[in-house]
Amino acid sequence: MAQELEGGAGRLPPLRPRQNGATVEWRDSRMADDMNAREYSTHAREPRDAGRVARVMAEAARLAGDGRGRFLAPALLQSWPGIVHGGGLVALLGAAACSLAPRPAGPLRLEGRLTSSVPIETALDLEGHAEDGVATVTILERAQPLTSASVERVEATEDAVPSQWTAEGRAGARMPFSDQCLACGAHNPLGLRLGLAFDGDGVWARFEPPAPWRTEDGAIDPALGPVILDEVAWWLGALVTREGGLTNRLSVTLLRPGLAAPGPLTAVGRFADVAPVDRRRTFWRTRAGLLAADGTPLALASIVFRPGPEYSARQMPFFRARTDPAVFARMFPGYAG
């Protein structure tokens, strides 16, 4: 998005005792089918031991030496029914992009343009190239670009981390789980199985990364940051706008790639950092961060979130079915009746 941030910040009202640039067309092709509120998504058919996330993602996006390749994502990598998780998509394309040039040392920035949905279990084409220190990989369907991601070395930006990004001493309402989502799916053998929560100030998750999300030497897999921060940032946008929606842009800076970071991690963002991108409030920018147990920042993310009733019509039945009625009424009061 080329526009600058405008307008004020968002904030939820206090809890009451009732309970994942480019021009995007108005009619987004994503979420075109109705959602089953109970099933939510295609069940992953892979064995319960899915292996490491790095292996699964590497097999999903394979590039040859000439920068061309094929893409085939398993159901393990999905979010909404039948489509690849936005943060996971940026992570695996970023990993593929790193194969086009020597991986730079130090902080990395991944930039994803999620202009169209990418289906699971569908063979698609890949094209990649590296130029001026930036490596980019694009997914194509019959020569038409669906989405792309790039990776480059950047300077650290820790001064952008708000001191209020913490989960210490906070108690909030729980977000609904799904069945098969890569981030919050309770039954996805590769999933993070996140238990997200929110209060009047923001959204967070405090968790131990499962074994598939660490490398053989115990370091955090680079895919963790894009996946969980896309999830947190999406919820920030949804709860401020009180609508369902989709991620259109995702920018993630990995401040310490390869760090072991033992102990629980915290992914967190504030409603005060959510703001509209354009005057019509069609797009909103949200921010989130991933912190180590001692508060050391590991990754920062910014997404462009597109809300709208056309997305809510398909997403709200799922959320309503799995959320305490009083909590749902606070999250999405326009859909609580």
C-alpha atoms as a PDB file:
ATOM      1  CA  MET A   1       0.000   0.000   0.000  1.00  0.00           C
ATOM      2  CA  ALA A   2       1.324   3.424  -0.961  1.00  0.00           C
ATOM      3  CA  GLN A   3      -0.888   5.424   1.398  1.00  0.00           C
ATOM      4  CA  GLU A   4       0.285   6.749   4.717  1.00  0.00           C
ATOM      5  CA  LEU A   5      -1.472   6.000   7.975  1.00  0.00           C
ATOM      6  CA  GLU A   6      -4.349   8.322   8.741  1.00  0.00           C
ATOM      7  CA  GLY A   7      -6.876   8.794  11.522  1.00  0.00           C
ATOM      8  CA  GLY A   8      -6.829   7.691  15.117  1.00  0.00           C
ATOM      9  CA  ALA A   9      -6.049   4.451  16.859  1.00  0.00           C
ATOM     10  CA  GLY A  10      -8.472   1.734  17.807  1.00  0.00           C
ATOM     11  CA  ARG A  11      -9.402   0.471  21.243  1.00  0.00           C
ATOM     12  CA  LEU A  12     -11.956  -1.964  22.562  1.00  0.00           C
ATOM     13  CA  PRO A  13     -14.378  -0.998  25.336  1.00  0.00           C
ATOM     14  CA  PRO A  14     -13.937  -2.545  28.775  1.00  0.00           C
ATOM     15  CA  LEU A  15     -14.984  -6.143  29.300  1.00  0.00           C
ATOM     16  CA  ARG A  16     -18.567  -6.391  30.452  1.00  0.00           C
ATOM     17  CA  PRO A  17     -20.033  -9.378  32.227  1.00  0.00           C
ATOM     18  CA  ARG A  18     -21.810 -10.672  29.104  1.00  0.00           C
ATOM     19  CA  GLN A  19     -19.208 -12.989  27.923  1.00  0.00           C
ATOM     20  CA  ASN A  20      -3.765 -13.115   7.611  1.00  0.00           C
ATOM     21  CA  GLY A  21       1.879  -1.548  -3.162  1.00  0.00           C
ATOM     22  CA  ALA A  22      -0.554  -3.934  -4.724  1.00  0.00           C
ATOM     23  CA  THR A  23      -3.980  -2.872  -5.875  1.00  0.00           C
ATOM     24  CA  VAL A  24      -6.708  -5.263  -4.740  1.00  0.00           C
ATOM     25  CA  GLU A  25     -10.067  -5.476  -6.429  1.00  0.00           C
ATOM     26  CA  TRP A  26     -13.206  -5.015  -4.353  1.00  0.00           C
ATOM     27  CA  ARG A  27     -14.434  -8.537  -5.065  1.00  0.00           C
ATOM     28  CA  ASP A  28     -11.669 -10.609  -3.545  1.00  0.00           C
ATOM     29  CA  SER A  29     -11.752 -14.218  -4.689  1.00  0.00           C
ATOM     30  CA  ARG A  30     -10.806 -15.513  -1.251  1.00  0.00           C
ATOM     31  CA  MET A  31     -13.360 -17.020   1.108  1.00  0.00           C
ATOM     32  CA  ALA A  32     -15.703 -17.628  -1.824  1.00  0.00           C
ATOM     33  CA  ASP A  33     -17.454 -20.616  -0.266  1.00  0.00           C
ATOM     34  CA  ASP A  34     -19.569 -20.830   2.862  1.00  0.00           C
ATOM     35  CA  MET A  35     -17.818 -22.165   5.946  1.00  0.00           C
ATOM     36  CA  ASN A  36     -19.053 -25.058   7.987  1.00  0.00           C
ATOM     37  CA  ALA A  37     -19.075 -23.688  11.514  1.00  0.00           C
ATOM     38  CA  ARG A  38     -18.187 -27.043  13.036  1.00  0.00           C
ATOM     39  CA  GLU A  39     -15.705 -28.538  10.585  1.00  0.00           C
ATOM     40  CA  TYR A  40     -14.078 -25.247   9.530  1.00  0.00           C
ATOM     41  CA  SER A  41     -11.540 -26.737   7.126  1.00  0.00           C
ATOM     42  CA  THR A  42     -10.195 -29.657   5.165  1.00  0.00           C
ATOM     43  CA  HIS A  43      -8.696 -32.210   7.535  1.00  0.00           C
ATOM     44  CA  ALA A  44      -4.981 -32.824   7.143  1.00  0.00           C
ATOM     45  CA  ARG A  45      -4.454 -36.369   5.908  1.00  0.00           C
ATOM     46  CA  GLU A  46      -0.791 -36.529   6.909  1.00  0.00           C
ATOM     47  CA  PRO A  47       0.356 -38.800   9.778  1.00  0.00           C
ATOM     48  CA  ARG A  48       0.253 -37.490  13.326  1.00  0.00           C
ATOM     49  CA  ASP A  49       4.061 -37.072  13.312  1.00  0.00           C
ATOM     50  CA  ALA A  50       4.358 -34.507  10.544  1.00  0.00           C
ATOM     51  CA  GLY A  51       8.079 -33.831  11.047  1.00  0.00           C
ATOM     52  CA  ARG A  52       9.642 -30.389  11.217  1.00  0.00           C
ATOM     53  CA  VAL A  53       7.903 -27.409   9.697  1.00  0.00           C
ATOM     54  CA  ALA A  54      11.060 -26.569   7.738  1.00  0.00           C
ATOM     55  CA  ARG A  55      10.863 -29.879   5.869  1.00  0.00           C
ATOM     56  CA  VAL A  56       7.156 -29.520   5.117  1.00  0.00           C
ATOM     57  CA  MET A  57       7.622 -25.997   3.773  1.00  0.00           C
ATOM     58  CA  ALA A  58      10.717 -26.903   1.746  1.00  0.00           C
ATOM     59  CA  GLU A  59       8.795 -29.711   0.058  1.00  0.00           C
ATOM     60  CA  ALA A  60       5.884 -27.361  -0.687  1.00  0.00           C
ATOM     61  CA  ALA A  61       8.035 -24.827  -2.589  1.00  0.00           C
ATOM     62  CA  ARG A  62      10.876 -26.192  -4.709  1.00  0.00           C
ATOM     63  CA  LEU A  63      13.007 -24.007  -6.954  1.00  0.00           C
ATOM     64  CA  ALA A  64      15.521 -25.152  -9.571  1.00  0.00           C
ATOM     65  CA  GLY A  65      18.769 -23.357 -10.332  1.00  0.00           C
ATOM     66  CA  ASP A  66      17.112 -21.279 -13.055  1.00  0.00           C
ATOM     67  CA  GLY A  67      14.638 -19.787 -10.555  1.00  0.00           C
ATOM     68  CA  ARG A  68      11.673 -21.828 -11.789  1.00  0.00           C
ATOM     69  CA  GLY A  69       9.894 -24.446  -9.750  1.00  0.00           C
ATOM     70  CA  ARG A  70       6.663 -25.910  -8.491  1.00  0.00           C
ATOM     71  CA  PHE A  71       4.427 -25.254  -5.508  1.00  0.00           C
ATOM     72  CA  LEU A  72       2.206 -27.847  -3.836  1.00  0.00           C
ATOM     73  CA  ALA A  73       1.089 -27.128  -0.270  1.00  0.00           C
ATOM     74  CA  PRO A  74      -0.337 -29.906   1.928  1.00  0.00           C
ATOM     75  CA  ALA A  75      -3.396 -29.447   4.129  1.00  0.00           C
ATOM     76  CA  LEU A  76      -1.034 -29.117   7.091  1.00  0.00           C
ATOM     77  CA  LEU A  77      -0.318 -25.535   5.968  1.00  0.00           C
ATOM     78  CA  GLN A  78      -3.891 -24.268   5.709  1.00  0.00           C
ATOM     79  CA  SER A  79      -5.792 -21.552   7.533  1.00  0.00           C
ATOM     80  CA  TRP A  80      -9.328 -20.970   6.206  1.00  0.00           C
ATOM     81  CA  PRO A  81     -10.896 -23.901   4.339  1.00  0.00           C
ATOM     82  CA  GLY A  82      -8.720 -25.051   1.500  1.00  0.00           C
ATOM     83  CA  ILE A  83      -6.268 -22.117   1.402  1.00  0.00           C
ATOM     84  CA  VAL A  84      -2.691 -21.755   2.615  1.00  0.00           C
ATOM     85  CA  HIS A  85      -2.134 -19.795   5.828  1.00  0.00           C
ATOM     86  CA  GLY A  86      -0.987 -16.256   4.939  1.00  0.00           C
ATOM     87  CA  GLY A  87       1.887 -16.142   7.405  1.00  0.00           C
ATOM     88  CA  GLY A  88       2.912 -19.673   6.451  1.00  0.00           C
ATOM     89  CA  LEU A  89       2.856 -18.688   2.800  1.00  0.00           C
ATOM     90  CA  VAL A  90       5.187 -15.758   3.389  1.00  0.00           C
ATOM     91  CA  ALA A  91       7.472 -17.966   5.499  1.00  0.00           C
ATOM     92  CA  LEU A  92       7.842 -20.744   2.934  1.00  0.00           C
ATOM     93  CA  LEU A  93       8.264 -18.349  -0.009  1.00  0.00           C
ATOM     94  CA  GLY A  94      10.850 -16.469   2.015  1.00  0.00           C
ATOM     95  CA  ALA A  95      12.746 -19.710   2.653  1.00  0.00           C
ATOM     96  CA  ALA A  96      12.601 -20.523  -1.057  1.00  0.00           C
ATOM     97  CA  ALA A  97      13.840 -17.015  -1.890  1.00  0.00           C
ATOM     98  CA  CYS A  98      16.858 -17.538   0.357  1.00  0.00           C
ATOM     99  CA  SER A  99      17.922 -20.396  -1.928  1.00  0.00           C
ATOM    100  CA  LEU A 100      18.392 -17.937  -4.810  1.00  0.00           C
ATOM    101  CA  ALA A 101      21.360 -16.203  -3.177  1.00  0.00           C
ATOM    102  CA  PRO A 102      23.653 -16.708  -0.185  1.00  0.00           C
ATOM    103  CA  ARG A 103      21.649 -16.196   2.964  1.00  0.00           C
ATOM    104  CA  PRO A 104      22.627 -12.860   4.512  1.00  0.00           C
ATOM    105  CA  ALA A 105      23.755 -12.697   8.118  1.00  0.00           C
ATOM    106  CA  GLY A 106      21.826 -10.644  10.635  1.00  0.00           C
ATOM    107  CA  PRO A 107      18.231  -9.425  10.649  1.00  0.00           C
ATOM    108  CA  LEU A 108      16.003 -10.338   7.692  1.00  0.00           C
ATOM    109  CA  ARG A 109      12.843  -8.721   6.383  1.00  0.00           C
ATOM    110  CA  LEU A 110      10.162 -10.786   4.664  1.00  0.00           C
ATOM    111  CA  GLU A 111       7.583  -8.902   2.593  1.00  0.00           C
ATOM    112  CA  GLY A 112       4.490 -10.732   1.357  1.00  0.00           C
ATOM    113  CA  ARG A 113       1.862  -9.490  -1.102  1.00  0.00           C
ATOM    114  CA  LEU A 114      -1.173 -11.715  -0.600  1.00  0.00           C
ATOM    115  CA  THR A 115      -3.252 -10.451  -3.507  1.00  0.00           C
ATOM    116  CA  SER A 116      -5.060 -13.750  -4.153  1.00  0.00           C
ATOM    117  CA  SER A 117      -5.685 -16.926  -2.219  1.00  0.00           C
ATOM    118  CA  VAL A 118      -3.386 -19.890  -2.756  1.00  0.00           C
ATOM    119  CA  PRO A 119      -5.167 -23.260  -2.613  1.00  0.00           C
ATOM    120  CA  ILE A 120      -3.824 -26.293  -0.788  1.00  0.00           C
ATOM    121  CA  GLU A 121      -3.089 -29.557  -2.606  1.00  0.00           C
ATOM    122  CA  THR A 122      -2.977 -27.802  -5.991  1.00  0.00           C
ATOM    123  CA  ALA A 123       0.095 -27.819  -8.247  1.00  0.00           C
ATOM    124  CA  LEU A 124       1.169 -24.276  -9.156  1.00  0.00           C
ATOM    125  CA  ASP A 125       4.224 -22.645 -10.745  1.00  0.00           C
ATOM    126  CA  LEU A 126       7.014 -20.730  -9.041  1.00  0.00           C
ATOM    127  CA  GLU A 127       9.279 -18.040 -10.444  1.00  0.00           C
ATOM    128  CA  GLY A 128      12.115 -16.491  -8.502  1.00  0.00           C
ATOM    129  CA  HIS A 129      14.905 -14.003  -9.007  1.00  0.00           C
ATOM    130  CA  ALA A 130      17.438 -12.020  -6.983  1.00  0.00           C
ATOM    131  CA  GLU A 131      18.393  -8.407  -7.687  1.00  0.00           C
ATOM    132  CA  ASP A 132      20.132  -5.690  -5.659  1.00  0.00           C
ATOM    133  CA  GLY A 133      20.149  -7.784  -2.500  1.00  0.00           C
ATOM    134  CA  VAL A 134      16.446  -8.660  -2.651  1.00  0.00           C
ATOM    135  CA  ALA A 135      15.292 -12.188  -3.536  1.00  0.00           C
ATOM    136  CA  THR A 136      11.671 -12.612  -4.640  1.00  0.00           C
ATOM    137  CA  VAL A 137       9.518 -15.671  -5.355  1.00  0.00           C
ATOM    138  CA  THR A 138       6.078 -15.535  -7.017  1.00  0.00           C
ATOM    139  CA  ILE A 139       3.364 -18.194  -7.207  1.00  0.00           C
ATOM    140  CA  LEU A 140       1.571 -18.348 -10.541  1.00  0.00           C
ATOM    141  CA  GLU A 141      -1.512 -20.119 -11.823  1.00  0.00           C
ATOM    142  CA  ARG A 142      -1.576 -20.404 -15.621  1.00  0.00           C
ATOM    143  CA  ALA A 143       0.991 -17.578 -15.837  1.00  0.00           C
ATOM    144  CA  GLN A 144      -1.107 -15.269 -13.601  1.00  0.00           C
ATOM    145  CA  PRO A 145       0.561 -14.155 -10.331  1.00  0.00           C
ATOM    146  CA  LEU A 146      -1.326 -15.152  -7.180  1.00  0.00           C
ATOM    147  CA  THR A 147       1.027 -13.949  -4.481  1.00  0.00           C
ATOM    148  CA  SER A 148       4.694 -13.190  -3.893  1.00  0.00           C
ATOM    149  CA  ALA A 149       7.233 -12.751  -1.128  1.00  0.00           C
ATOM    150  CA  SER A 150      10.690 -11.235  -0.944  1.00  0.00           C
ATOM    151  CA  VAL A 151      13.527 -11.372   1.563  1.00  0.00           C
ATOM    152  CA  GLU A 152      16.410  -8.971   2.216  1.00  0.00           C
ATOM    153  CA  ARG A 153      18.915  -8.093   4.902  1.00  0.00           C
ATOM    154  CA  VAL A 154      18.020  -5.053   7.041  1.00  0.00           C
ATOM    155  CA  GLU A 155      19.296  -3.190  10.037  1.00  0.00           C
ATOM    156  CA  ALA A 156      17.794  -3.996  13.433  1.00  0.00           C
ATOM    157  CA  THR A 157      14.847  -1.835  14.524  1.00  0.00           C
ATOM    158  CA  GLU A 158      14.428  -2.703  18.189  1.00  0.00           C
ATOM    159  CA  ASP A 159      13.635   0.892  19.091  1.00  0.00           C
ATOM    160  CA  ALA A 160      10.225   0.308  17.437  1.00  0.00           C
ATOM    161  CA  VAL A 161       9.195  -2.182  20.152  1.00  0.00           C
ATOM    162  CA  PRO A 162       6.613  -0.585  22.513  1.00  0.00           C
ATOM    163  CA  SER A 163       7.318  -1.144  26.188  1.00  0.00           C
ATOM    164  CA  GLN A 164       3.657  -2.133  26.625  1.00  0.00           C
ATOM    165  CA  TRP A 165       4.141  -5.295  24.543  1.00  0.00           C
ATOM    166  CA  THR A 166       3.945  -7.847  27.338  1.00  0.00           C
ATOM    167  CA  ALA A 167       1.718 -10.645  28.579  1.00  0.00           C
ATOM    168  CA  GLU A 168       2.910 -10.457  32.173  1.00  0.00           C
ATOM    169  CA  GLY A 169       0.080 -10.172  34.687  1.00  0.00           C
ATOM    170  CA  ARG A 170      -2.633 -10.034  32.028  1.00  0.00           C
ATOM    171  CA  ALA A 171      -5.912 -11.923  32.100  1.00  0.00           C
ATOM    172  CA  GLY A 172      -8.274 -11.820  29.161  1.00  0.00           C
ATOM    173  CA  ALA A 173     -10.967 -13.558  27.161  1.00  0.00           C
ATOM    174  CA  ARG A 174      -9.986 -16.561  25.086  1.00  0.00           C
ATOM    175  CA  MET A 175     -10.164 -16.609  21.310  1.00  0.00           C
ATOM    176  CA  PRO A 176     -11.891 -19.496  19.510  1.00  0.00           C
ATOM    177  CA  PHE A 177      -9.807 -22.460  18.374  1.00  0.00           C
ATOM    178  CA  SER A 178     -10.138 -24.093  14.961  1.00  0.00           C
ATOM    179  CA  ASP A 179      -9.588 -27.714  13.941  1.00  0.00           C
ATOM    180  CA  GLN A 180      -6.888 -27.602  11.290  1.00  0.00           C
ATOM    181  CA  CYS A 181      -5.392 -24.078  11.100  1.00  0.00           C
ATOM    182  CA  LEU A 182      -1.593 -24.006  11.073  1.00  0.00           C
ATOM    183  CA  ALA A 183      -1.581 -21.421  13.878  1.00  0.00           C
ATOM    184  CA  CYS A 184      -4.570 -22.268  16.100  1.00  0.00           C
ATOM    185  CA  GLY A 185      -5.800 -25.671  14.896  1.00  0.00           C
ATOM    186  CA  ALA A 186      -6.272 -28.058  17.796  1.00  0.00           C
ATOM    187  CA  HIS A 187      -5.959 -31.121  15.540  1.00  0.00           C
ATOM    188  CA  ASN A 188      -3.273 -30.091  13.067  1.00  0.00           C
ATOM    189  CA  PRO A 189      -0.223 -32.300  13.844  1.00  0.00           C
ATOM    190  CA  LEU A 190       2.105 -29.565  12.582  1.00  0.00           C
ATOM    191  CA  GLY A 191       0.196 -26.648  14.115  1.00  0.00           C
ATOM    192  CA  LEU A 192       1.240 -24.259  16.853  1.00  0.00           C
ATOM    193  CA  ARG A 193      -2.148 -24.816  18.578  1.00  0.00           C
ATOM    194  CA  LEU A 194      -2.091 -21.290  19.911  1.00  0.00           C
ATOM    195  CA  GLY A 195      -4.354 -20.148  22.702  1.00  0.00           C
ATOM    196  CA  LEU A 196      -4.852 -16.478  21.873  1.00  0.00           C
ATOM    197  CA  ALA A 197      -6.413 -14.042  24.350  1.00  0.00           C
ATOM    198  CA  PHE A 198      -7.524 -10.415  24.328  1.00  0.00           C
ATOM    199  CA  ASP A 199      -8.403  -7.653  26.777  1.00  0.00           C
ATOM    200  CA  GLY A 200      -9.142  -3.948  26.453  1.00  0.00           C
ATOM    201  CA  ASP A 201      -5.590  -3.167  25.342  1.00  0.00           C
ATOM    202  CA  GLY A 202      -4.692  -5.849  22.823  1.00  0.00           C
ATOM    203  CA  VAL A 203      -4.172  -9.467  21.774  1.00  0.00           C
ATOM    204  CA  TRP A 204      -1.497 -11.893  22.893  1.00  0.00           C
ATOM    205  CA  ALA A 205      -0.389 -15.514  23.147  1.00  0.00           C
ATOM    206  CA  ARG A 206       2.158 -16.957  25.563  1.00  0.00           C
ATOM    207  CA  PHE A 207       3.371 -20.385  24.464  1.00  0.00           C
ATOM    208  CA  GLU A 208       6.168 -22.929  24.158  1.00  0.00           C
ATOM    209  CA  PRO A 209       6.989 -23.632  20.497  1.00  0.00           C
ATOM    210  CA  PRO A 210       6.228 -27.294  19.704  1.00  0.00           C
ATOM    211  CA  ALA A 211       9.151 -29.490  18.640  1.00  0.00           C
ATOM    212  CA  PRO A 212       8.409 -29.181  14.879  1.00  0.00           C
ATOM    213  CA  TRP A 213       8.987 -25.412  15.168  1.00  0.00           C
ATOM    214  CA  ARG A 214      12.576 -25.730  16.372  1.00  0.00           C
ATOM    215  CA  THR A 215      15.574 -26.714  14.288  1.00  0.00           C
ATOM    216  CA  GLU A 216      17.775 -29.714  15.015  1.00  0.00           C
ATOM    217  CA  ASP A 217      20.081 -27.555  17.130  1.00  0.00           C
ATOM    218  CA  GLY A 218      17.169 -26.110  19.138  1.00  0.00           C
ATOM    219  CA  ALA A 219      16.876 -22.725  17.427  1.00  0.00           C
ATOM    220  CA  ILE A 220      13.476 -21.228  16.615  1.00  0.00           C
ATOM    221  CA  ASP A 221      12.434 -21.950  13.045  1.00  0.00           C
ATOM    222  CA  PRO A 222      12.238 -18.736  10.972  1.00  0.00           C
ATOM    223  CA  ALA A 223       8.667 -19.654   9.983  1.00  0.00           C
ATOM    224  CA  LEU A 224       7.423 -19.132  13.539  1.00  0.00           C
ATOM    225  CA  GLY A 225       7.493 -15.336  13.388  1.00  0.00           C
ATOM    226  CA  PRO A 226       5.439 -14.886  10.188  1.00  0.00           C
ATOM    227  CA  VAL A 227       2.834 -17.489  11.183  1.00  0.00           C
ATOM    228  CA  ILE A 228       2.086 -16.347  14.715  1.00  0.00           C
ATOM    229  CA  LEU A 229       2.425 -12.614  14.069  1.00  0.00           C
ATOM    230  CA  ASP A 230       0.073 -12.816  11.099  1.00  0.00           C
ATOM    231  CA  GLU A 231      -2.437 -14.465  13.447  1.00  0.00           C
ATOM    232  CA  VAL A 232      -2.094 -11.863  16.205  1.00  0.00           C
ATOM    233  CA  ALA A 233      -2.120  -8.933  13.773  1.00  0.00           C
ATOM    234  CA  TRP A 234      -5.201 -10.317  11.963  1.00  0.00           C
ATOM    235  CA  TRP A 235      -7.120 -10.458  15.250  1.00  0.00           C
ATOM    236  CA  LEU A 236      -6.080  -6.912  16.128  1.00  0.00           C
ATOM    237  CA  GLY A 237      -7.621  -5.699  12.885  1.00  0.00           C
ATOM    238  CA  ALA A 238     -10.745  -7.797  13.261  1.00  0.00           C
ATOM    239  CA  LEU A 239     -11.434  -6.699  16.833  1.00  0.00           C
ATOM    240  CA  VAL A 240     -10.890  -3.000  16.124  1.00  0.00           C
ATOM    241  CA  THR A 241     -13.035  -2.980  12.961  1.00  0.00           C
ATOM    242  CA  ARG A 242     -15.435  -5.598  14.399  1.00  0.00           C
ATOM    243  CA  GLU A 243     -15.513  -7.385  11.066  1.00  0.00           C
ATOM    244  CA  GLY A 244     -13.985 -10.471   9.543  1.00  0.00           C
ATOM    245  CA  GLY A 245     -11.376  -9.930   6.881  1.00  0.00           C
ATOM    246  CA  LEU A 246      -8.161 -11.011   5.202  1.00  0.00           C
ATOM    247  CA  THR A 247      -4.480 -10.098   5.246  1.00  0.00           C
ATOM    248  CA  ASN A 248      -3.368  -8.298   2.075  1.00  0.00           C
ATOM    249  CA  ARG A 249       0.200  -7.386   3.018  1.00  0.00           C
ATOM    250  CA  LEU A 250       2.523  -8.890   5.592  1.00  0.00           C
ATOM    251  CA  SER A 251       5.933  -7.493   6.533  1.00  0.00           C
ATOM    252  CA  VAL A 252       7.988  -9.385   9.127  1.00  0.00           C
ATOM    253  CA  THR A 253      11.458  -8.481  10.394  1.00  0.00           C
ATOM    254  CA  LEU A 254      13.325 -11.394  11.976  1.00  0.00           C
ATOM    255  CA  LEU A 255      15.637  -9.607  14.393  1.00  0.00           C
ATOM    256  CA  ARG A 256      17.554 -12.668  15.628  1.00  0.00           C
ATOM    257  CA  PRO A 257      17.191 -15.540  13.152  1.00  0.00           C
ATOM    258  CA  GLY A 258      18.750 -18.716  14.487  1.00  0.00           C
ATOM    259  CA  LEU A 259      18.388 -17.826  18.182  1.00  0.00           C
ATOM    260  CA  ALA A 260      17.503 -20.708  20.511  1.00  0.00           C
ATOM    261  CA  ALA A 261      15.402 -18.556  22.896  1.00  0.00           C
ATOM    262  CA  PRO A 262      14.524 -21.146  25.555  1.00  0.00           C
ATOM    263  CA  GLY A 263      11.355 -20.849  27.620  1.00  0.00           C
ATOM    264  CA  PRO A 264       7.921 -19.535  26.718  1.00  0.00           C
ATOM    265  CA  LEU A 265       7.568 -16.937  23.975  1.00  0.00           C
ATOM    266  CA  THR A 266       5.052 -14.099  23.787  1.00  0.00           C
ATOM    267  CA  ALA A 267       3.364 -12.798  20.650  1.00  0.00           C
ATOM    268  CA  VAL A 268       1.552  -9.530  21.344  1.00  0.00           C
ATOM    269  CA  GLY A 269       0.053  -6.424  19.782  1.00  0.00           C
ATOM    270  CA  ARG A 270      -1.917  -3.356  20.920  1.00  0.00           C
ATOM    271  CA  PHE A 271      -5.221  -1.961  19.686  1.00  0.00           C
ATOM    272  CA  ALA A 272      -3.647   1.503  20.057  1.00  0.00           C
ATOM    273  CA  ASP A 273      -1.327   0.665  17.145  1.00  0.00           C
ATOM    274  CA  VAL A 274      -4.161  -0.197  14.734  1.00  0.00           C
ATOM    275  CA  ALA A 275      -4.973   2.584  12.283  1.00  0.00           C
ATOM    276  CA  PRO A 276      -6.671   3.020   8.899  1.00  0.00           C
ATOM    277  CA  VAL A 277      -4.473   3.239   5.821  1.00  0.00           C
ATOM    278  CA  ASP A 278      -6.905   5.151   3.596  1.00  0.00           C
ATOM    279  CA  ARG A 279      -9.659   7.712   4.123  1.00  0.00           C
ATOM    280  CA  ARG A 280     -12.384   5.228   3.286  1.00  0.00           C
ATOM    281  CA  ARG A 281     -11.032   2.860   5.947  1.00  0.00           C
ATOM    282  CA  THR A 282     -10.957   0.028   3.462  1.00  0.00           C
ATOM    283  CA  PHE A 283      -7.521  -1.093   4.669  1.00  0.00           C
ATOM    284  CA  TRP A 284      -6.057  -1.044   8.173  1.00  0.00           C
ATOM    285  CA  ARG A 285      -2.479  -1.457   9.364  1.00  0.00           C
ATOM    286  CA  THR A 286      -1.748  -3.446  12.509  1.00  0.00           C
ATOM    287  CA  ARG A 287       1.501  -4.260  14.336  1.00  0.00           C
ATOM    288  CA  ALA A 288       2.658  -7.155  16.501  1.00  0.00           C
ATOM    289  CA  GLY A 289       5.861  -8.499  18.029  1.00  0.00           C
ATOM    290  CA  LEU A 290       7.379 -11.794  19.140  1.00  0.00           C
ATOM    291  CA  LEU A 291       9.337 -11.692  22.399  1.00  0.00           C
ATOM    292  CA  ALA A 292      11.607 -14.182  24.168  1.00  0.00           C
ATOM    293  CA  ALA A 293      10.965 -15.223  27.770  1.00  0.00           C
ATOM    294  CA  ASP A 294      13.259 -12.439  29.018  1.00  0.00           C
ATOM    295  CA  GLY A 295      11.536  -9.816  26.856  1.00  0.00           C
ATOM    296  CA  THR A 296      14.150  -9.790  24.087  1.00  0.00           C
ATOM    297  CA  PRO A 297      12.424  -8.918  20.792  1.00  0.00           C
ATOM    298  CA  LEU A 298      12.741 -11.702  18.220  1.00  0.00           C
ATOM    299  CA  ALA A 299      10.514 -10.468  15.387  1.00  0.00           C
ATOM    300  CA  LEU A 300       8.323  -7.504  14.432  1.00  0.00           C
ATOM    301  CA  ALA A 301       5.407  -7.539  12.009  1.00  0.00           C
ATOM    302  CA  SER A 302       3.060  -5.147  10.259  1.00  0.00           C
ATOM    303  CA  ILE A 303       0.086  -6.292   8.205  1.00  0.00           C
ATOM    304  CA  VAL A 304      -2.465  -4.582   6.007  1.00  0.00           C
ATOM    305  CA  PHE A 305      -5.858  -5.960   6.985  1.00  0.00           C
ATOM    306  CA  ARG A 306      -8.933  -5.692   4.784  1.00  0.00           C
ATOM    307  CA  PRO A 307     -12.198  -6.017   6.757  1.00  0.00           C
ATOM    308  CA  GLY A 308     -15.679  -6.211   5.356  1.00  0.00           C
ATOM    309  CA  PRO A 309     -19.157  -7.675   5.772  1.00  0.00           C
ATOM    310  CA  GLU A 310     -18.563  -9.961   2.785  1.00  0.00           C
ATOM    311  CA  TYR A 311     -15.879 -11.735   4.828  1.00  0.00           C
ATOM    312  CA  SER A 312     -17.870 -11.599   8.069  1.00  0.00           C
ATOM    313  CA  ALA A 313     -20.791 -13.357   6.406  1.00  0.00           C
ATOM    314  CA  ARG A 314     -18.598 -16.435   5.985  1.00  0.00           C
ATOM    315  CA  GLN A 315     -16.394 -16.208   9.063  1.00  0.00           C
ATOM    316  CA  MET A 316     -18.822 -15.217  11.824  1.00  0.00           C
ATOM    317  CA  PRO A 317     -20.757 -18.523  11.929  1.00  0.00           C
ATOM    318  CA  PHE A 318     -17.511 -20.295  12.819  1.00  0.00           C
ATOM    319  CA  PHE A 319     -16.510 -17.797  15.499  1.00  0.00           C
ATOM    320  CA  ARG A 320     -19.979 -17.691  17.018  1.00  0.00           C
ATOM    321  CA  ALA A 321     -20.184 -21.488  17.264  1.00  0.00           C
ATOM    322  CA  ARG A 322     -16.931 -21.708  19.237  1.00  0.00           C
ATOM    323  CA  THR A 323     -17.021 -18.645  21.448  1.00  0.00           C
ATOM    324  CA  ASP A 324     -18.850 -17.949  24.697  1.00  0.00           C
ATOM    325  CA  PRO A 325     -21.881 -15.824  23.715  1.00  0.00           C
ATOM    326  CA  ALA A 326     -20.921 -12.955  26.002  1.00  0.00           C
ATOM    327  CA  VAL A 327     -17.349 -12.891  24.690  1.00  0.00           C
ATOM    328  CA  PHE A 328     -18.547 -13.073  21.091  1.00  0.00           C
ATOM    329  CA  ALA A 329     -20.920 -10.148  21.718  1.00  0.00           C
ATOM    330  CA  ARG A 330     -17.985  -8.072  22.842  1.00  0.00           C
ATOM    331  CA  MET A 331     -15.803  -9.138  19.920  1.00  0.00           C
ATOM    332  CA  PHE A 332     -18.370  -8.643  17.169  1.00  0.00           C
ATOM    333  CA  PRO A 333     -21.435  -6.856  18.573  1.00  0.00           C
ATOM    334  CA  GLY A 334     -22.953  -6.372  15.126  1.00  0.00           C
ATOM    335  CA  TYR A 335     -23.192 -10.134  14.661  1.00  0.00           C
ATOM    336  CA  ALA A 336     -24.231 -11.208  18.161  1.00  0.00           C
ATOM    337  CA  GLY A 337     -27.991 -11.109  17.609  1.00  0.00           C
END
